[in-house]
Amino acid sequence: LACRADGDPPPSTRCARDGGAPRARGSRAISRADAGRYICRATNKHGSAVRSIVVTVECECRGC
């Protein structure tokens, strides 16, 4: 997931599966196992903001 936020100074952002470690950015194949709740956090010297996102994965391919 891409986590974006605006601020002054620009915040650092990261997104992780709820209860999991942040993953490296980049494109990769996704699967149904990637579904779940994710927490995105933006932080700068003024504080932080958090957003919770629920991701569902639908698959029409064989072998998912």
Protein backbone atom coordinates (compact mmCIF):
# COMPACT_ATOMS: atom_id res chain seq x y z
CA LEU A 1 0.00 0.00 0.00
CA ALA A 2 1.14 3.50 -0.72
CA CYS A 3 0.75 5.81 2.25
CA ARG A 4 0.72 9.51 1.37
CA ALA A 5 0.42 12.60 3.56
CA ASP A 6 1.01 16.34 3.26
CA GLY A 7 2.57 18.50 5.94
CA ASP A 8 5.21 21.09 6.76
CA PRO A 9 7.75 19.69 7.18
CA PRO A 10 6.78 16.78 4.92
CA PRO A 11 5.97 13.76 7.09
CA SER A 12 7.56 10.36 6.88
CA THR A 13 5.02 7.64 6.17
CA ARG A 14 4.77 3.91 6.63
CA CYS A 15 2.07 1.32 6.28
CA ALA A 16 2.04 -2.07 7.97
CA ARG A 17 -0.37 -4.91 8.44
CA ASP A 18 -2.07 -4.57 11.81
CA GLY A 19 0.21 -6.47 14.18
CA GLY A 20 2.89 -6.96 11.52
CA ALA A 21 6.15 -5.36 10.44
CA PRO A 22 6.31 -2.74 7.66
CA ARG A 23 6.97 -4.23 4.24
CA ALA A 24 9.39 -2.97 1.65
CA ARG A 25 7.84 -0.83 -1.06
CA GLY A 26 7.69 -2.14 -4.58
CA SER A 27 5.40 -4.07 -6.80
CA ARG A 28 4.80 -7.75 -6.25
CA ALA A 29 2.04 -10.24 -6.84
CA ILE A 30 -0.65 -10.19 -4.19
CA SER A 31 -2.74 -13.06 -2.88
CA ARG A 32 -5.73 -13.58 -0.63
CA ALA A 33 -3.30 -13.94 2.27
CA ASP A 34 -2.56 -10.20 1.91
CA ALA A 35 -6.13 -9.29 2.91
CA GLY A 36 -6.64 -7.76 6.33
CA ARG A 37 -6.42 -4.54 8.33
CA TYR A 38 -3.49 -2.21 7.64
CA ILE A 39 -2.37 0.81 9.64
CA CYS A 40 -0.84 3.79 7.84
CA ARG A 41 1.03 6.37 9.93
CA ALA A 42 2.38 9.80 8.93
CA THR A 43 4.80 11.51 11.33
CA ASN A 44 6.66 14.82 11.47
CA LYS A 45 7.95 17.07 14.27
CA HIS A 46 4.40 18.31 14.97
CA GLY A 47 2.95 14.87 15.66
CA SER A 48 1.44 11.94 13.83
CA ALA A 49 -1.76 10.86 12.11
CA VAL A 50 -2.99 7.28 11.77
CA ARG A 51 -5.46 5.74 9.35
CA SER A 52 -6.76 2.17 9.45
CA ILE A 53 -7.62 0.52 6.13
CA VAL A 54 -9.26 -2.85 5.49
CA VAL A 55 -7.99 -4.56 2.34
CA THR A 56 -9.90 -7.32 0.59
CA VAL A 57 -8.46 -9.40 -2.24
CA GLU A 58 -10.69 -10.94 -4.88
CA CYS A 59 -9.19 -13.39 -7.29
CA GLU A 60 -10.57 -14.84 -10.53
CA CYS A 61 -7.45 -16.78 -11.40
CA ARG A 62 -6.83 -20.46 -10.82
CA GLY A 63 -4.61 -21.52 -7.96
CA CYS A 64 -5.11 -18.46 -5.75
